[in-house]
Protein backbone atom coordinates (compact mmCIF):
# COMPACT_ATOMS: atom_id res chain seq x y z
CA MET A 1 8.23 -21.49 -9.60
CA ALA A 2 7.26 -18.09 -8.17
CA SER A 3 9.13 -16.39 -5.36
CA ARG A 4 7.61 -15.73 -1.99
CA LYS A 5 6.69 -12.42 -0.44
CA ALA A 6 9.63 -10.92 1.40
CA ALA A 7 9.89 -8.92 4.60
CA LEU A 8 12.54 -6.98 6.50
CA ALA A 9 12.13 -6.87 10.28
CA THR A 10 14.31 -4.77 12.54
CA ALA A 11 14.71 -5.75 16.21
CA GLY A 12 11.58 -7.87 16.47
CA SER A 13 11.77 -11.65 16.85
CA ALA A 14 8.02 -12.12 17.42
CA ALA A 15 7.21 -10.21 14.24
CA ALA A 16 9.81 -12.20 12.30
CA ARG A 17 8.29 -15.49 13.47
CA LEU A 18 4.82 -14.37 12.47
CA LEU A 19 5.91 -13.19 9.04
CA ALA A 20 7.83 -16.37 8.36
CA LEU A 21 5.79 -19.09 9.99
CA GLU A 22 2.22 -17.76 9.77
CA LEU A 23 2.40 -15.71 6.59
CA GLY A 24 5.04 -17.81 4.82
CA MET A 25 7.32 -14.93 3.88
CA SER A 26 11.06 -14.85 3.34
CA VAL A 27 12.41 -12.75 6.20
CA THR A 28 15.56 -10.74 6.77
CA VAL A 29 16.20 -9.75 10.38
CA ASN A 30 18.37 -6.79 11.26
CA TYR A 31 20.57 -6.58 14.33
CA SER A 32 22.91 -3.95 15.68
CA ARG A 33 25.30 -5.87 17.98
CA ASP A 34 24.00 -9.28 19.03
CA ALA A 35 24.92 -11.45 16.04
CA ALA A 36 24.50 -14.69 17.99
CA ARG A 37 20.91 -13.90 18.89
CA ALA A 38 20.03 -12.90 15.33
CA GLU A 39 21.61 -16.02 13.86
CA ALA A 40 19.81 -18.17 16.43
CA LEU A 41 16.51 -16.67 15.29
CA VAL A 42 17.37 -17.33 11.64
CA LYS A 43 18.26 -20.94 12.47
CA GLU A 44 15.00 -21.33 14.39
CA LEU A 45 12.99 -20.10 11.41
CA ARG A 46 14.84 -22.40 9.01
CA ASP A 47 14.57 -25.44 11.26
CA THR A 48 10.88 -24.85 11.95
CA TRP A 49 10.08 -24.41 8.28
CA GLU A 50 12.07 -27.49 7.24
CA SER A 51 10.26 -29.58 9.85
CA ARG A 52 6.99 -29.02 8.05
CA ARG A 53 6.10 -31.96 5.86
CA PHE A 54 3.95 -30.25 3.28
CA ASP A 55 3.84 -26.93 1.49
CA GLU A 56 1.02 -26.73 -1.01
CA THR A 57 1.68 -23.18 -2.21
CA GLY A 58 3.88 -24.21 -5.13
CA LEU A 59 6.34 -21.45 -4.25
CA HIS A 60 10.07 -21.58 -3.64
CA PRO A 61 10.88 -22.28 0.03
CA PRO A 62 11.32 -19.07 2.04
CA SER A 63 14.80 -17.77 2.78
CA PHE A 64 15.93 -16.36 6.11
CA HIS A 65 18.85 -14.02 6.69
CA ALA A 66 20.41 -11.79 9.35
CA ILE A 67 22.10 -8.52 8.40
CA GLN A 68 24.00 -6.21 10.74
CA ALA A 69 23.36 -2.48 10.42
CA ASP A 70 23.39 0.56 12.71
CA LEU A 71 20.06 2.21 11.98
CA SER A 72 21.18 5.51 13.49
CA GLN A 73 23.35 5.95 10.37
CA GLN A 74 21.59 6.77 7.11
CA THR A 75 24.18 5.04 4.92
CA GLU A 76 23.76 1.86 6.97
CA VAL A 77 19.99 2.00 6.56
CA ILE A 78 20.31 2.28 2.78
CA ARG A 79 22.72 -0.66 2.71
CA LEU A 80 20.37 -2.74 4.87
CA ALA A 81 17.37 -2.19 2.59
CA ASP A 82 19.34 -3.03 -0.55
CA GLU A 83 20.94 -6.14 0.95
CA ALA A 84 17.63 -7.36 2.39
CA ALA A 85 15.93 -7.02 -1.00
CA ALA A 86 18.81 -8.79 -2.76
CA ALA A 87 18.75 -11.65 -0.24
CA SER A 88 15.06 -12.25 -0.95
CA GLY A 89 15.14 -12.27 -4.73
CA ASN A 90 15.19 -8.52 -5.33
CA ARG A 91 11.91 -7.80 -3.59
CA LEU A 92 10.54 -6.36 -0.38
CA ASP A 93 6.81 -6.51 0.26
CA VAL A 94 6.79 -5.58 3.94
CA ILE A 95 9.05 -3.64 6.31
CA ILE A 96 8.58 -3.87 10.08
CA SER A 97 10.57 -1.29 12.02
CA ASN A 98 10.87 -1.98 15.75
CA VAL A 99 14.12 -0.14 16.40
CA GLY A 100 14.17 2.36 19.26
CA TRP A 101 16.45 3.88 21.85
CA THR A 102 16.21 5.48 25.27
CA ARG A 103 18.23 6.15 28.38
CA MET A 104 16.59 5.68 31.77
CA ARG A 105 15.83 9.06 33.32
CA ASN A 106 13.38 10.46 35.86
CA PHE A 107 10.51 11.54 33.61
CA SER A 108 9.11 13.92 36.24
CA ASP A 109 12.45 15.68 36.84
CA LEU A 110 12.90 18.34 34.17
CA ASP A 111 16.56 18.78 35.10
CA ASP A 112 17.04 15.11 34.21
CA GLY A 113 15.27 15.57 30.88
CA VAL A 114 17.43 18.18 29.16
CA ASN A 115 20.50 16.14 28.28
CA GLU A 116 21.29 17.12 24.70
CA GLU A 117 22.96 13.81 23.88
CA ASP A 118 19.80 11.95 24.91
CA TRP A 119 17.63 14.17 22.72
CA ASP A 120 19.90 13.84 19.71
CA ARG A 121 20.19 10.06 20.02
CA CYS A 122 16.46 9.60 20.62
CA PHE A 123 15.59 11.74 17.62
CA SER A 124 18.06 9.94 15.37
CA VAL A 125 16.91 6.43 16.28
CA ASN A 126 13.24 6.96 17.12
CA VAL A 127 12.37 9.32 14.28
CA LYS A 128 15.01 9.84 11.61
CA SER A 129 15.81 6.14 11.24
CA GLN A 130 12.14 5.53 10.38
CA LEU A 131 12.23 8.13 7.64
CA TRP A 132 15.50 6.75 6.27
CA LEU A 133 14.25 3.15 6.31
CA PHE A 134 11.00 4.04 4.59
CA HIS A 135 12.81 6.11 1.97
CA ALA A 136 15.38 3.35 1.35
CA GLY A 137 12.72 0.66 0.97
CA ARG A 138 10.18 2.72 -0.95
CA LYS A 139 11.23 1.59 -4.42
CA TRP A 140 10.87 -2.06 -3.45
CA LEU A 141 7.50 -1.51 -1.79
CA GLU A 142 6.15 0.47 -4.72
CA GLU A 143 7.21 -2.30 -7.08
CA ARG A 144 5.39 -4.76 -4.84
CA ASN A 145 2.19 -2.70 -5.06
CA SER A 146 2.41 -2.72 -8.85
CA ARG A 147 2.02 -6.53 -8.69
CA GLU A 148 -0.71 -6.67 -6.04
CA GLU A 149 -2.60 -3.52 -5.10
CA GLY A 150 -2.62 -2.70 -1.40
CA ALA A 151 -0.10 -5.40 -0.47
CA ALA A 152 2.91 -3.20 0.29
CA ALA A 153 3.16 -2.29 3.97
CA PHE A 154 5.47 -0.37 6.29
CA VAL A 155 4.77 -0.90 10.00
CA SER A 156 6.53 1.08 12.73
CA THR A 157 6.50 0.44 16.48
CA ALA A 158 6.14 3.42 18.78
CA SER A 159 5.08 3.36 22.45
CA ILE A 160 2.20 4.21 24.74
CA ALA A 161 4.46 7.05 25.89
CA CYS A 162 3.48 8.81 22.65
CA SER A 163 -0.05 9.47 23.91
CA LYS A 164 0.35 9.25 27.69
CA PRO A 165 3.20 11.52 28.87
CA SER A 166 5.31 8.95 30.70
CA GLY A 167 8.05 6.45 30.14
CA SER A 168 11.76 6.05 30.48
CA SER A 169 12.59 9.66 29.62
CA LEU A 170 11.15 12.90 28.30
CA PRO A 171 13.04 12.74 24.98
CA TYR A 172 11.85 9.16 24.49
CA ALA A 173 8.20 10.09 24.95
CA VAL A 174 8.42 13.15 22.70
CA THR A 175 10.28 11.39 19.89
CA LYS A 176 7.91 8.43 19.97
CA ALA A 177 5.05 10.92 19.55
CA ALA A 178 6.93 12.43 16.61
CA ARG A 179 7.27 8.93 15.18
CA ILE A 180 3.51 8.58 14.99
CA HIS A 181 3.09 11.88 13.18
CA LEU A 182 5.83 10.82 10.78
CA VAL A 183 3.92 7.59 10.10
CA LYS A 184 0.75 9.54 9.37
CA SER A 185 2.67 11.90 7.11
CA LEU A 186 4.29 9.03 5.22
CA ALA A 187 0.88 7.39 4.82
CA VAL A 188 -0.31 10.53 3.03
CA ILE A 189 2.84 10.86 0.91
CA ALA A 190 3.03 7.18 -0.05
CA ALA A 191 -0.64 6.62 -0.85
CA PRO A 192 -2.02 4.81 -2.70
CA ALA A 193 0.98 2.55 -3.32
CA ILE A 194 2.11 1.84 0.26
CA ARG A 195 0.15 1.50 3.48
CA VAL A 196 1.95 2.93 6.53
CA ASN A 197 0.81 2.17 10.07
CA CYS A 198 2.06 2.27 13.64
CA ILE A 199 1.67 0.10 16.74
CA SER A 200 2.09 1.52 20.25
CA PRO A 201 2.55 -1.09 22.98
CA GLY A 202 2.28 -0.40 26.66
CA VAL A 203 4.43 -2.28 29.15
CA LEU A 204 5.12 -5.81 27.90
CA LEU A 205 6.89 -8.56 29.78
CA ALA A 206 9.75 -8.63 27.30
CA ASP A 207 13.50 -8.44 27.97
CA TRP A 208 13.52 -4.68 28.55
CA GLU A 209 10.61 -4.66 31.01
CA LEU A 210 11.86 -7.73 32.89
CA SER A 211 14.92 -5.71 33.88
CA PHE A 212 12.67 -3.48 36.02
CA ALA A 213 12.17 -4.06 39.74
CA PRO A 214 9.22 -6.41 40.43
CA GLU A 215 7.46 -3.79 42.56
CA ARG A 216 7.60 -1.30 39.68
CA LEU A 217 6.07 -3.84 37.30
CA GLU A 218 3.35 -4.64 39.82
CA ALA A 219 2.50 -0.93 40.16
CA VAL A 220 2.12 -0.63 36.39
CA LYS A 221 -0.01 -3.76 36.29
CA GLU A 222 -2.39 -2.24 38.84
CA GLN A 223 -2.72 0.88 36.68
CA ASN A 224 -3.77 -1.21 33.68
CA ARG A 225 -7.56 -1.37 33.43
CA LEU A 226 -7.39 -5.08 32.62
CA LYS A 227 -5.03 -5.74 35.56
CA ARG A 228 -2.64 -7.65 33.36
CA PHE A 229 0.07 -6.88 30.84
CA ALA A 230 -0.29 -6.83 27.11
CA ALA A 231 1.64 -9.71 25.56
CA VAL A 232 4.32 -9.67 22.89
CA ASP A 233 2.08 -11.95 20.83
CA ASP A 234 -0.67 -9.30 21.01
CA VAL A 235 1.68 -6.91 19.26
CA ALA A 236 2.66 -9.56 16.72
CA GLN A 237 -0.99 -10.19 15.88
CA GLN A 238 -1.51 -6.48 15.32
CA VAL A 239 1.47 -6.60 12.97
CA LYS A 240 -0.38 -9.33 11.09
CA VAL A 241 -3.47 -7.11 10.78
CA SER A 242 -1.37 -4.21 9.52
CA VAL A 243 0.40 -6.42 6.98
CA THR A 244 -2.61 -8.31 5.64
CA SER A 245 -5.14 -5.49 5.50
CA ARG A 246 -5.61 -3.78 2.14
CA THR A 247 -7.32 -0.61 3.40
CA VAL A 248 -5.89 0.39 6.79
CA THR A 249 -3.29 3.15 6.61
CA GLY A 250 -2.11 6.08 8.70
CA GLN A 251 -3.33 4.49 11.93
CA ASN A 252 -1.78 3.98 15.37
CA ALA A 253 -2.96 0.88 17.23
CA ILE A 254 -2.54 1.10 21.01
CA ILE A 255 -1.98 -2.20 22.83
CA ASP A 256 -1.63 -1.46 26.53
CA ALA A 257 -4.22 -3.45 28.52
CA GLY A 258 -6.05 -0.20 29.19
CA LEU A 259 -3.17 1.79 30.71
CA SER A 260 -3.92 4.92 28.68
CA LEU A 261 -7.66 4.98 29.41
């Protein structure tokens, strides 16, 4: 019996659900600190899959795992990729990288935007971790492409702050912009074996945004051309497009309900 496609998803429960439950992949989720939340997601995926009565694919059932790793450390990233591949039968077909970091600052106040620690941390997590993760997973993705041309995919999540100067801090916006150029560069370097794409959400009503004051959220909503927020599921569906396409690479998909127009 053949093994299933396998994915590694960092810091993205919606993407993990889509990969597992819509695309039928084995999924490893990465977490930094919240083990309970990661294990709850793994249990949810297992329970949901086991509740299905039929599976006509003829493949082994998917496996689901949670692995702790600090993606700001290169050695941890390498360990994560190797352990994720091993947990899924020595294969990785897809890597989804949602990890990011920022510290709330006044974007318009230059004096508040020159903290060196913020810049270093943002660059390590928002840019360098992407390079490390791609490099660590490259051998698995290239092997995947050798079995099915165009199937290997690396998808990174940036932010609307990359194209519209704004956001939680100046270093966050600048490093997210750098992330997109890194994605484009990796798409050139990795072609034709691996497709590399990016997704840039605007304000979503996820845990991070729901910590904002209601009046701030309402102000952002009024700036959106569609007068509503993009949804987490919108981003997940774009992940699906990036994973299942065979010809899209080096692209940045903006999902922001028209905020950047």
